[in-house]
Amino acid sequence: MKVILTEHQFKRIISEDKINTQYKYMGKVLEQMIKGTKIDYERELIFPPISNNLTTHFEISFDNFYDNYHSYYYLFINMCKYMYGLADDEIHHIWKKYVNTIKNKITKG
């Protein structure tokens, strides 16, 4: 049996496939960011995989991360935009998940 799709159905399927592919890509980016984040529980420091082009690594104290994590958002945006080619809304989505994941890791130790 041959299935014939209308142009609208075909475009919708292609669009849904692109969306699913983009969500998978965003998930991989988030996974890479989380795996790249080192946490030193003894010294209470976080080393996110973010560079400010002035130092080879960035460190954030646990307290500073809780209180001022938004101050590192700019570096996160640039990394996601230029390294991974993500749009602003995608970056914001990944940022929220990243921050929550790191906070959970700090809390659970």
PDB file of N, CA and C in Angstrom:
ATOM      1  N   MET A   1       0.845  -1.177   0.000  1.00  0.00           N
ATOM      2  CA  MET A   1       0.000   0.000   0.000  1.00  0.00           C
ATOM      3  C   MET A   1       0.889   1.238   0.000  1.00  0.00           C
ATOM      4  N   LYS A   2       0.620   2.108  -0.888  1.00  0.00           N
ATOM      5  CA  LYS A   2       1.390   3.336  -1.049  1.00  0.00           C
ATOM      6  C   LYS A   2       0.706   4.457  -0.266  1.00  0.00           C
ATOM      7  N   VAL A   3       1.498   5.177   0.542  1.00  0.00           N
ATOM      8  CA  VAL A   3       0.965   6.297   1.301  1.00  0.00           C
ATOM      9  C   VAL A   3       1.374   7.582   0.589  1.00  0.00           C
ATOM     10  N   ILE A   4       0.407   8.400   0.309  1.00  0.00           N
ATOM     11  CA  ILE A   4       0.673   9.672  -0.358  1.00  0.00           C
ATOM     12  C   ILE A   4       0.397  10.794   0.632  1.00  0.00           C
ATOM     13  N   LEU A   5       1.418  11.608   0.836  1.00  0.00           N
ATOM     14  CA  LEU A   5       1.297  12.726   1.764  1.00  0.00           C
ATOM     15  C   LEU A   5       0.995  14.009   1.009  1.00  0.00           C
ATOM     16  N   THR A   6       0.210  14.842   1.650  1.00  0.00           N
ATOM     17  CA  THR A   6       0.006  16.171   1.074  1.00  0.00           C
ATOM     18  C   THR A   6       1.277  16.987   1.334  1.00  0.00           C
ATOM     19  N   GLU A   7       1.415  18.084   0.667  1.00  0.00           N
ATOM     20  CA  GLU A   7       2.585  18.953   0.861  1.00  0.00           C
ATOM     21  C   GLU A   7       2.645  19.436   2.313  1.00  0.00           C
ATOM     22  N   HIS A   8       1.501  19.776   2.887  1.00  0.00           N
ATOM     23  CA  HIS A   8       1.432  20.238   4.273  1.00  0.00           C
ATOM     24  C   HIS A   8       1.899  19.135   5.235  1.00  0.00           C
ATOM     25  N   GLN A   9       1.448  17.911   5.036  1.00  0.00           N
ATOM     26  CA  GLN A   9       1.857  16.789   5.888  1.00  0.00           C
ATOM     27  C   GLN A   9       3.362  16.552   5.779  1.00  0.00           C
ATOM     28  N   PHE A  10       3.870  16.601   4.561  1.00  0.00           N
ATOM     29  CA  PHE A  10       5.295  16.394   4.333  1.00  0.00           C
ATOM     30  C   PHE A  10       6.117  17.474   5.048  1.00  0.00           C
ATOM     31  N   LYS A  11       5.724  18.732   4.920  1.00  0.00           N
ATOM     32  CA  LYS A  11       6.438  19.838   5.566  1.00  0.00           C
ATOM     33  C   LYS A  11       6.389  19.694   7.085  1.00  0.00           C
ATOM     34  N   ARG A  12       5.240  19.261   7.621  1.00  0.00           N
ATOM     35  CA  ARG A  12       5.103  19.082   9.063  1.00  0.00           C
ATOM     36  C   ARG A  12       6.047  17.985   9.563  1.00  0.00           C
ATOM     37  N   ILE A  13       6.133  16.887   8.824  1.00  0.00           N
ATOM     38  CA  ILE A  13       7.020  15.794   9.207  1.00  0.00           C
ATOM     39  C   ILE A  13       8.471  16.252   9.182  1.00  0.00           C
ATOM     40  N   ILE A  14       8.850  16.966   8.140  1.00  0.00           N
ATOM     41  CA  ILE A  14      10.217  17.486   8.033  1.00  0.00           C
ATOM     42  C   ILE A  14      10.497  18.456   9.169  1.00  0.00           C
ATOM     43  N   SER A  15       9.545  19.323   9.478  1.00  0.00           N
ATOM     44  CA  SER A  15       9.696  20.303  10.554  1.00  0.00           C
ATOM     45  C   SER A  15       9.859  19.598  11.898  1.00  0.00           C
ATOM     46  N   GLU A  16       9.031  18.594  12.174  1.00  0.00           N
ATOM     47  CA  GLU A  16       9.119  17.848  13.435  1.00  0.00           C
ATOM     48  C   GLU A  16      10.462  17.132  13.539  1.00  0.00           C
ATOM     49  N   ASP A  17      10.952  16.599  12.437  1.00  0.00           N
ATOM     50  CA  ASP A  17      12.237  15.912  12.420  1.00  0.00           C
ATOM     51  C   ASP A  17      13.367  16.889  12.747  1.00  0.00           C
ATOM     52  N   LYS A  18      13.292  18.101  12.199  1.00  0.00           N
ATOM     53  CA  LYS A  18      14.303  19.121  12.488  1.00  0.00           C
ATOM     54  C   LYS A  18      14.274  19.494  13.962  1.00  0.00           C
ATOM     55  N   ILE A  19      13.069  19.632  14.522  1.00  0.00           N
ATOM     56  CA  ILE A  19      12.931  19.980  15.939  1.00  0.00           C
ATOM     57  C   ILE A  19      13.522  18.877  16.809  1.00  0.00           C
ATOM     58  N   ASN A  20      13.198  17.624  16.511  1.00  0.00           N
ATOM     59  CA  ASN A  20      13.731  16.503  17.279  1.00  0.00           C
ATOM     60  C   ASN A  20      15.247  16.446  17.189  1.00  0.00           C
ATOM     61  N   THR A  21      15.777  16.677  16.006  1.00  0.00           N
ATOM     62  CA  THR A  21      17.222  16.677  15.817  1.00  0.00           C
ATOM     63  C   THR A  21      17.866  17.796  16.630  1.00  0.00           C
ATOM     64  N   GLN A  22      17.257  18.971  16.654  1.00  0.00           N
ATOM     65  CA  GLN A  22      17.801  20.102  17.406  1.00  0.00           C
ATOM     66  C   GLN A  22      17.765  19.835  18.910  1.00  0.00           C
ATOM     67  N   TYR A  23      16.672  19.224  19.406  1.00  0.00           N
ATOM     68  CA  TYR A  23      16.600  18.886  20.832  1.00  0.00           C
ATOM     69  C   TYR A  23      17.669  17.866  21.207  1.00  0.00           C
ATOM     70  N   LYS A  24      17.912  16.908  20.333  1.00  0.00           N
ATOM     71  CA  LYS A  24      18.963  15.926  20.586  1.00  0.00           C
ATOM     72  C   LYS A  24      20.322  16.623  20.637  1.00  0.00           C
ATOM     73  N   TYR A  25      20.549  17.545  19.715  1.00  0.00           N
ATOM     74  CA  TYR A  25      21.802  18.293  19.677  1.00  0.00           C
ATOM     75  C   TYR A  25      21.971  19.115  20.959  1.00  0.00           C
ATOM     76  N   MET A  26      20.907  19.785  21.370  1.00  0.00           N
ATOM     77  CA  MET A  26      20.969  20.583  22.592  1.00  0.00           C
ATOM     78  C   MET A  26      21.262  19.696  23.798  1.00  0.00           C
ATOM     79  N   GLY A  27      20.688  18.518  23.813  1.00  0.00           N
ATOM     80  CA  GLY A  27      20.951  17.568  24.898  1.00  0.00           C
ATOM     81  C   GLY A  27      22.412  17.151  24.932  1.00  0.00           C
ATOM     82  N   LYS A  28      22.992  16.957  23.756  1.00  0.00           N
ATOM     83  CA  LYS A  28      24.416  16.591  23.667  1.00  0.00           C
ATOM     84  C   LYS A  28      25.302  17.743  24.141  1.00  0.00           C
ATOM     85  N   VAL A  29      24.929  18.962  23.783  1.00  0.00           N
ATOM     86  CA  VAL A  29      25.693  20.139  24.232  1.00  0.00           C
ATOM     87  C   VAL A  29      25.634  20.225  25.752  1.00  0.00           C
ATOM     88  N   LEU A  30      24.442  20.092  26.319  1.00  0.00           N
ATOM     89  CA  LEU A  30      24.279  20.146  27.772  1.00  0.00           C
ATOM     90  C   LEU A  30      25.099  19.048  28.443  1.00  0.00           C
ATOM     91  N   GLU A  31      25.016  17.853  27.910  1.00  0.00           N
ATOM     92  CA  GLU A  31      25.765  16.724  28.458  1.00  0.00           C
ATOM     93  C   GLU A  31      27.265  17.009  28.439  1.00  0.00           C
ATOM     94  N   GLN A  32      27.751  17.565  27.342  1.00  0.00           N
ATOM     95  CA  GLN A  32      29.167  17.895  27.221  1.00  0.00           C
ATOM     96  C   GLN A  32      29.563  18.981  28.215  1.00  0.00           C
ATOM     97  N   MET A  33      28.713  19.978  28.392  1.00  0.00           N
ATOM     98  CA  MET A  33      28.998  21.058  29.342  1.00  0.00           C
ATOM     99  C   MET A  33      29.066  20.509  30.774  1.00  0.00           C
ATOM    100  N   ILE A  34      28.137  19.642  31.114  1.00  0.00           N
ATOM    101  CA  ILE A  34      28.108  19.069  32.469  1.00  0.00           C
ATOM    102  C   ILE A  34      29.323  18.168  32.692  1.00  0.00           C
ATOM    103  N   LYS A  35      29.623  17.314  31.720  1.00  0.00           N
ATOM    104  CA  LYS A  35      30.789  16.433  31.839  1.00  0.00           C
ATOM    105  C   LYS A  35      32.082  17.234  31.917  1.00  0.00           C
ATOM    106  N   GLY A  36      32.118  18.379  31.254  1.00  0.00           N
ATOM    107  CA  GLY A  36      33.314  19.220  31.239  1.00  0.00           C
ATOM    108  C   GLY A  36      33.481  20.061  32.491  1.00  0.00           C
ATOM    109  N   THR A  37      32.470  20.085  33.343  1.00  0.00           N
ATOM    110  CA  THR A  37      32.526  20.861  34.581  1.00  0.00           C
ATOM    111  C   THR A  37      33.142  20.012  35.681  1.00  0.00           C
ATOM    112  N   LYS A  38      34.223  20.487  36.237  1.00  0.00           N
ATOM    113  CA  LYS A  38      34.894  19.779  37.338  1.00  0.00           C
ATOM    114  C   LYS A  38      34.494  20.434  38.649  1.00  0.00           C
ATOM    115  N   ILE A  39      34.222  19.609  39.640  1.00  0.00           N
ATOM    116  CA  ILE A  39      33.832  20.120  40.953  1.00  0.00           C
ATOM    117  C   ILE A  39      34.834  19.614  41.986  1.00  0.00           C
ATOM    118  N   ASP A  40      35.452  20.550  42.690  1.00  0.00           N
ATOM    119  CA  ASP A  40      36.388  20.225  43.763  1.00  0.00           C
ATOM    120  C   ASP A  40      35.636  20.441  45.074  1.00  0.00           C
ATOM    121  N   TYR A  41      35.164  19.343  45.653  1.00  0.00           N
ATOM    122  CA  TYR A  41      34.345  19.432  46.864  1.00  0.00           C
ATOM    123  C   TYR A  41      35.172  19.840  48.079  1.00  0.00           C
ATOM    124  N   GLU A  42      36.450  19.479  48.109  1.00  0.00           N
ATOM    125  CA  GLU A  42      37.306  19.856  49.242  1.00  0.00           C
ATOM    126  C   GLU A  42      37.502  21.358  49.319  1.00  0.00           C
ATOM    127  N   ARG A  43      37.835  21.955  48.190  1.00  0.00           N
ATOM    128  CA  ARG A  43      38.083  23.402  48.152  1.00  0.00           C
ATOM    129  C   ARG A  43      36.820  24.192  47.835  1.00  0.00           C
ATOM    130  N   GLU A  44      35.717  23.483  47.581  1.00  0.00           N
ATOM    131  CA  GLU A  44      34.427  24.096  47.244  1.00  0.00           C
ATOM    132  C   GLU A  44      34.546  25.034  46.033  1.00  0.00           C
ATOM    133  N   LEU A  45      35.110  24.470  44.955  1.00  0.00           N
ATOM    134  CA  LEU A  45      35.280  25.227  43.717  1.00  0.00           C
ATOM    135  C   LEU A  45      34.676  24.464  42.542  1.00  0.00           C
ATOM    136  N   ILE A  46      34.155  25.231  41.599  1.00  0.00           N
ATOM    137  CA  ILE A  46      33.610  24.692  40.367  1.00  0.00           C
ATOM    138  C   ILE A  46      34.486  25.205  39.227  1.00  0.00           C
ATOM    139  N   PHE A  47      34.824  24.315  38.296  1.00  0.00           N
ATOM    140  CA  PHE A  47      35.599  24.670  37.122  1.00  0.00           C
ATOM    141  C   PHE A  47      34.750  24.365  35.886  1.00  0.00           C
ATOM    142  N   PRO A  48      33.934  25.334  35.467  1.00  0.00           N
ATOM    143  CA  PRO A  48      33.098  25.091  34.288  1.00  0.00           C
ATOM    144  C   PRO A  48      33.944  25.090  33.016  1.00  0.00           C
ATOM    145  N   PRO A  49      33.461  24.444  31.978  1.00  0.00           N
ATOM    146  CA  PRO A  49      34.223  24.400  30.728  1.00  0.00           C
ATOM    147  C   PRO A  49      34.064  25.680  29.924  1.00  0.00           C
ATOM    148  N   ILE A  50      34.249  26.804  30.598  1.00  0.00           N
ATOM    149  CA  ILE A  50      34.062  28.117  29.983  1.00  0.00           C
ATOM    150  C   ILE A  50      35.376  28.867  30.091  1.00  0.00           C
ATOM    151  N   SER A  51      35.774  29.478  29.011  1.00  0.00           N
ATOM    152  CA  SER A  51      37.005  30.256  29.004  1.00  0.00           C
ATOM    153  C   SER A  51      36.672  31.713  28.721  1.00  0.00           C
ATOM    154  N   ASN A  52      37.416  32.600  29.375  1.00  0.00           N
ATOM    155  CA  ASN A  52      37.230  34.025  29.090  1.00  0.00           C
ATOM    156  C   ASN A  52      38.343  34.549  28.187  1.00  0.00           C
ATOM    157  N   ASN A  53      39.082  33.641  27.564  1.00  0.00           N
ATOM    158  CA  ASN A  53      40.181  33.952  26.645  1.00  0.00           C
ATOM    159  C   ASN A  53      41.366  34.640  27.326  1.00  0.00           C
ATOM    160  N   LEU A  54      41.284  34.844  28.616  1.00  0.00           N
ATOM    161  CA  LEU A  54      42.400  35.436  29.347  1.00  0.00           C
ATOM    162  C   LEU A  54      43.093  34.382  30.205  1.00  0.00           C
ATOM    163  N   THR A  55      42.338  33.391  30.621  1.00  0.00           N
ATOM    164  CA  THR A  55      42.888  32.312  31.428  1.00  0.00           C
ATOM    165  C   THR A  55      42.527  30.993  30.772  1.00  0.00           C
ATOM    166  N   THR A  56      43.234  29.964  31.161  1.00  0.00           N
ATOM    167  CA  THR A  56      42.948  28.660  30.575  1.00  0.00           C
ATOM    168  C   THR A  56      41.744  28.008  31.222  1.00  0.00           C
ATOM    169  N   HIS A  57      41.418  28.420  32.422  1.00  0.00           N
ATOM    170  CA  HIS A  57      40.237  27.878  33.081  1.00  0.00           C
ATOM    171  C   HIS A  57      39.591  28.948  33.953  1.00  0.00           C
ATOM    172  N   PHE A  58      38.420  28.643  34.355  1.00  0.00           N
ATOM    173  CA  PHE A  58      37.614  29.563  35.140  1.00  0.00           C
ATOM    174  C   PHE A  58      37.242  28.836  36.413  1.00  0.00           C
ATOM    175  N   GLU A  59      37.337  29.468  37.542  1.00  0.00           N
ATOM    176  CA  GLU A  59      36.894  28.813  38.774  1.00  0.00           C
ATOM    177  C   GLU A  59      35.877  29.684  39.494  1.00  0.00           C
ATOM    178  N   ILE A  60      34.907  29.005  40.079  1.00  0.00           N
ATOM    179  CA  ILE A  60      33.821  29.685  40.786  1.00  0.00           C
ATOM    180  C   ILE A  60      33.650  28.991  42.126  1.00  0.00           C
ATOM    181  N   SER A  61      33.607  29.766  43.201  1.00  0.00           N
ATOM    182  CA  SER A  61      33.365  29.155  44.505  1.00  0.00           C
ATOM    183  C   SER A  61      31.903  28.725  44.599  1.00  0.00           C
ATOM    184  N   PHE A  62      31.629  27.741  45.445  1.00  0.00           N
ATOM    185  CA  PHE A  62      30.252  27.271  45.625  1.00  0.00           C
ATOM    186  C   PHE A  62      29.341  28.441  45.984  1.00  0.00           C
ATOM    187  N   ASP A  63      29.772  29.251  46.966  1.00  0.00           N
ATOM    188  CA  ASP A  63      28.952  30.388  47.408  1.00  0.00           C
ATOM    189  C   ASP A  63      28.689  31.360  46.265  1.00  0.00           C
ATOM    190  N   ASN A  64      29.733  31.646  45.504  1.00  0.00           N
ATOM    191  CA  ASN A  64      29.604  32.580  44.396  1.00  0.00           C
ATOM    192  C   ASN A  64      28.685  32.013  43.319  1.00  0.00           C
ATOM    193  N   PHE A  65      28.757  30.711  43.106  1.00  0.00           N
ATOM    194  CA  PHE A  65      27.889  30.094  42.109  1.00  0.00           C
ATOM    195  C   PHE A  65      26.429  30.222  42.517  1.00  0.00           C
ATOM    196  N   TYR A  66      26.139  29.989  43.784  1.00  0.00           N
ATOM    197  CA  TYR A  66      24.763  30.107  44.260  1.00  0.00           C
ATOM    198  C   TYR A  66      24.254  31.536  44.177  1.00  0.00           C
ATOM    199  N   ASP A  67      25.094  32.472  44.560  1.00  0.00           N
ATOM    200  CA  ASP A  67      24.651  33.862  44.649  1.00  0.00           C
ATOM    201  C   ASP A  67      24.784  34.636  43.334  1.00  0.00           C
ATOM    202  N   ASN A  68      25.805  34.332  42.553  1.00  0.00           N
ATOM    203  CA  ASN A  68      26.103  35.154  41.380  1.00  0.00           C
ATOM    204  C   ASN A  68      26.309  34.354  40.101  1.00  0.00           C
ATOM    205  N   TYR A  69      25.671  33.198  39.985  1.00  0.00           N
ATOM    206  CA  TYR A  69      25.902  32.380  38.791  1.00  0.00           C
ATOM    207  C   TYR A  69      25.510  33.116  37.515  1.00  0.00           C
ATOM    208  N   HIS A  70      24.566  34.049  37.623  1.00  0.00           N
ATOM    209  CA  HIS A  70      24.146  34.795  36.436  1.00  0.00           C
ATOM    210  C   HIS A  70      25.263  35.672  35.868  1.00  0.00           C
ATOM    211  N   SER A  71      26.266  36.011  36.701  1.00  0.00           N
ATOM    212  CA  SER A  71      27.366  36.836  36.203  1.00  0.00           C
ATOM    213  C   SER A  71      28.251  36.066  35.217  1.00  0.00           C
ATOM    214  N   TYR A  72      28.136  34.747  35.192  1.00  0.00           N
ATOM    215  CA  TYR A  72      28.903  33.920  34.256  1.00  0.00           C
ATOM    216  C   TYR A  72      28.091  33.576  33.009  1.00  0.00           C
ATOM    217  N   TYR A  73      26.893  34.040  32.982  1.00  0.00           N
ATOM    218  CA  TYR A  73      25.983  33.749  31.869  1.00  0.00           C
ATOM    219  C   TYR A  73      26.527  34.293  30.549  1.00  0.00           C
ATOM    220  N   TYR A  74      27.143  35.460  30.572  1.00  0.00           N
ATOM    221  CA  TYR A  74      27.679  36.075  29.353  1.00  0.00           C
ATOM    222  C   TYR A  74      28.707  35.162  28.686  1.00  0.00           C
ATOM    223  N   LEU A  75      29.616  34.613  29.488  1.00  0.00           N
ATOM    224  CA  LEU A  75      30.622  33.699  28.944  1.00  0.00           C
ATOM    225  C   LEU A  75      29.969  32.432  28.403  1.00  0.00           C
ATOM    226  N   PHE A  76      28.965  31.954  29.107  1.00  0.00           N
ATOM    227  CA  PHE A  76      28.221  30.769  28.686  1.00  0.00           C
ATOM    228  C   PHE A  76      27.530  31.022  27.344  1.00  0.00           C
ATOM    229  N   ILE A  77      26.907  32.196  27.225  1.00  0.00           N
ATOM    230  CA  ILE A  77      26.224  32.571  25.977  1.00  0.00           C
ATOM    231  C   ILE A  77      27.204  32.550  24.808  1.00  0.00           C
ATOM    232  N   ASN A  78      28.342  33.208  24.989  1.00  0.00           N
ATOM    233  CA  ASN A  78      29.327  33.277  23.914  1.00  0.00           C
ATOM    234  C   ASN A  78      29.829  31.900  23.509  1.00  0.00           C
ATOM    235  N   MET A  79      30.082  31.061  24.492  1.00  0.00           N
ATOM    236  CA  MET A  79      30.563  29.725  24.188  1.00  0.00           C
ATOM    237  C   MET A  79      29.519  28.942  23.391  1.00  0.00           C
ATOM    238  N   CYS A  80      28.284  28.984  23.847  1.00  0.00           N
ATOM    239  CA  CYS A  80      27.218  28.245  23.159  1.00  0.00           C
ATOM    240  C   CYS A  80      26.946  28.802  21.767  1.00  0.00           C
ATOM    241  N   LYS A  81      27.025  30.103  21.646  1.00  0.00           N
ATOM    242  CA  LYS A  81      26.729  30.745  20.369  1.00  0.00           C
ATOM    243  C   LYS A  81      27.828  30.476  19.340  1.00  0.00           C
ATOM    244  N   TYR A  82      29.076  30.676  19.740  1.00  0.00           N
ATOM    245  CA  TYR A  82      30.165  30.601  18.777  1.00  0.00           C
ATOM    246  C   TYR A  82      30.776  29.202  18.637  1.00  0.00           C
ATOM    247  N   MET A  83      30.701  28.420  19.684  1.00  0.00           N
ATOM    248  CA  MET A  83      31.270  27.076  19.617  1.00  0.00           C
ATOM    249  C   MET A  83      30.248  26.055  19.105  1.00  0.00           C
ATOM    250  N   TYR A  84      28.983  26.235  19.523  1.00  0.00           N
ATOM    251  CA  TYR A  84      27.954  25.252  19.173  1.00  0.00           C
ATOM    252  C   TYR A  84      26.902  25.777  18.199  1.00  0.00           C
ATOM    253  N   GLY A  85      26.915  27.077  17.925  1.00  0.00           N
ATOM    254  CA  GLY A  85      25.979  27.648  16.965  1.00  0.00           C
ATOM    255  C   GLY A  85      24.536  27.684  17.419  1.00  0.00           C
ATOM    256  N   LEU A  86      24.322  27.814  18.724  1.00  0.00           N
ATOM    257  CA  LEU A  86      22.962  27.820  19.263  1.00  0.00           C
ATOM    258  C   LEU A  86      22.346  29.218  19.239  1.00  0.00           C
ATOM    259  N   ALA A  87      21.035  29.252  19.155  1.00  0.00           N
ATOM    260  CA  ALA A  87      20.273  30.506  19.200  1.00  0.00           C
ATOM    261  C   ALA A  87      20.048  30.902  20.659  1.00  0.00           C
ATOM    262  N   ASP A  88      19.679  32.155  20.875  1.00  0.00           N
ATOM    263  CA  ASP A  88      19.495  32.678  22.236  1.00  0.00           C
ATOM    264  C   ASP A  88      18.503  31.868  23.066  1.00  0.00           C
ATOM    265  N   ASP A  89      17.352  31.511  22.495  1.00  0.00           N
ATOM    266  CA  ASP A  89      16.365  30.753  23.263  1.00  0.00           C
ATOM    267  C   ASP A  89      16.878  29.356  23.614  1.00  0.00           C
ATOM    268  N   GLU A  90      17.672  28.755  22.734  1.00  0.00           N
ATOM    269  CA  GLU A  90      18.252  27.444  23.006  1.00  0.00           C
ATOM    270  C   GLU A  90      19.296  27.546  24.117  1.00  0.00           C
ATOM    271  N   ILE A  91      20.089  28.613  24.080  1.00  0.00           N
ATOM    272  CA  ILE A  91      21.107  28.834  25.101  1.00  0.00           C
ATOM    273  C   ILE A  91      20.456  29.019  26.465  1.00  0.00           C
ATOM    274  N   HIS A  92      19.400  29.809  26.513  1.00  0.00           N
ATOM    275  CA  HIS A  92      18.698  30.045  27.778  1.00  0.00           C
ATOM    276  C   HIS A  92      18.156  28.732  28.341  1.00  0.00           C
ATOM    277  N   HIS A  93      17.601  27.905  27.487  1.00  0.00           N
ATOM    278  CA  HIS A  93      17.063  26.603  27.895  1.00  0.00           C
ATOM    279  C   HIS A  93      18.172  25.722  28.483  1.00  0.00           C
ATOM    280  N   ILE A  94      19.311  25.669  27.796  1.00  0.00           N
ATOM    281  CA  ILE A  94      20.433  24.855  28.266  1.00  0.00           C
ATOM    282  C   ILE A  94      21.013  25.435  29.558  1.00  0.00           C
ATOM    283  N   TRP A  95      21.097  26.752  29.640  1.00  0.00           N
ATOM    284  CA  TRP A  95      21.639  27.416  30.834  1.00  0.00           C
ATOM    285  C   TRP A  95      20.841  27.029  32.078  1.00  0.00           C
ATOM    286  N   LYS A  96      19.522  27.087  31.989  1.00  0.00           N
ATOM    287  CA  LYS A  96      18.688  26.748  33.153  1.00  0.00           C
ATOM    288  C   LYS A  96      18.943  25.306  33.592  1.00  0.00           C
ATOM    289  N   LYS A  97      19.020  24.401  32.640  1.00  0.00           N
ATOM    290  CA  LYS A  97      19.264  22.995  32.965  1.00  0.00           C
ATOM    291  C   LYS A  97      20.676  22.798  33.524  1.00  0.00           C
ATOM    292  N   TYR A  98      21.638  23.511  32.966  1.00  0.00           N
ATOM    293  CA  TYR A  98      23.022  23.420  33.442  1.00  0.00           C
ATOM    294  C   TYR A  98      23.128  23.886  34.894  1.00  0.00           C
ATOM    295  N   VAL A  99      22.578  25.050  35.189  1.00  0.00           N
ATOM    296  CA  VAL A  99      22.654  25.604  36.546  1.00  0.00           C
ATOM    297  C   VAL A  99      21.977  24.667  37.542  1.00  0.00           C
ATOM    298  N   ASN A 100      20.798  24.172  37.205  1.00  0.00           N
ATOM    299  CA  ASN A 100      20.090  23.264  38.112  1.00  0.00           C
ATOM    300  C   ASN A 100      20.877  21.975  38.348  1.00  0.00           C
ATOM    301  N   THR A 101      21.478  21.452  37.291  1.00  0.00           N
ATOM    302  CA  THR A 101      22.265  20.219  37.432  1.00  0.00           C
ATOM    303  C   THR A 101      23.478  20.445  38.329  1.00  0.00           C
ATOM    304  N   ILE A 102      24.186  21.531  38.113  1.00  0.00           N
ATOM    305  CA  ILE A 102      25.380  21.813  38.940  1.00  0.00           C
ATOM    306  C   ILE A 102      24.980  22.079  40.389  1.00  0.00           C
ATOM    307  N   LYS A 103      23.894  22.803  40.593  1.00  0.00           N
ATOM    308  CA  LYS A 103      23.422  23.035  41.975  1.00  0.00           C
ATOM    309  C   LYS A 103      23.094  21.718  42.651  1.00  0.00           C
ATOM    310  N   ASN A 104      22.454  20.806  41.942  1.00  0.00           N
ATOM    311  CA  ASN A 104      22.138  19.499  42.509  1.00  0.00           C
ATOM    312  C   ASN A 104      23.410  18.718  42.839  1.00  0.00           C
ATOM    313  N   LYS A 105      24.403  18.780  41.990  1.00  0.00           N
ATOM    314  CA  LYS A 105      25.660  18.071  42.245  1.00  0.00           C
ATOM    315  C   LYS A 105      26.351  18.645  43.476  1.00  0.00           C
ATOM    316  N   ILE A 106      26.332  19.963  43.622  1.00  0.00           N
ATOM    317  CA  ILE A 106      26.960  20.604  44.785  1.00  0.00           C
ATOM    318  C   ILE A 106      26.237  20.186  46.060  1.00  0.00           C
ATOM    319  N   THR A 107      24.920  20.217  46.010  1.00  0.00           N
ATOM    320  CA  THR A 107      24.111  19.898  47.185  1.00  0.00           C
ATOM    321  C   THR A 107      24.289  18.445  47.636  1.00  0.00           C
ATOM    322  N   LYS A 108      24.311  17.558  46.663  1.00  0.00           N
ATOM    323  CA  LYS A 108      24.413  16.128  46.989  1.00  0.00           C
ATOM    324  C   LYS A 108      25.834  15.699  47.314  1.00  0.00           C
ATOM    325  N   GLY A 109      26.805  16.496  46.830  1.00  0.00           N
ATOM    326  CA  GLY A 109      28.211  16.243  47.110  1.00  0.00           C
ATOM    327  C   GLY A 109      28.622  14.881  46.742  1.00  0.00           C
TER     328      GLY A 109
END
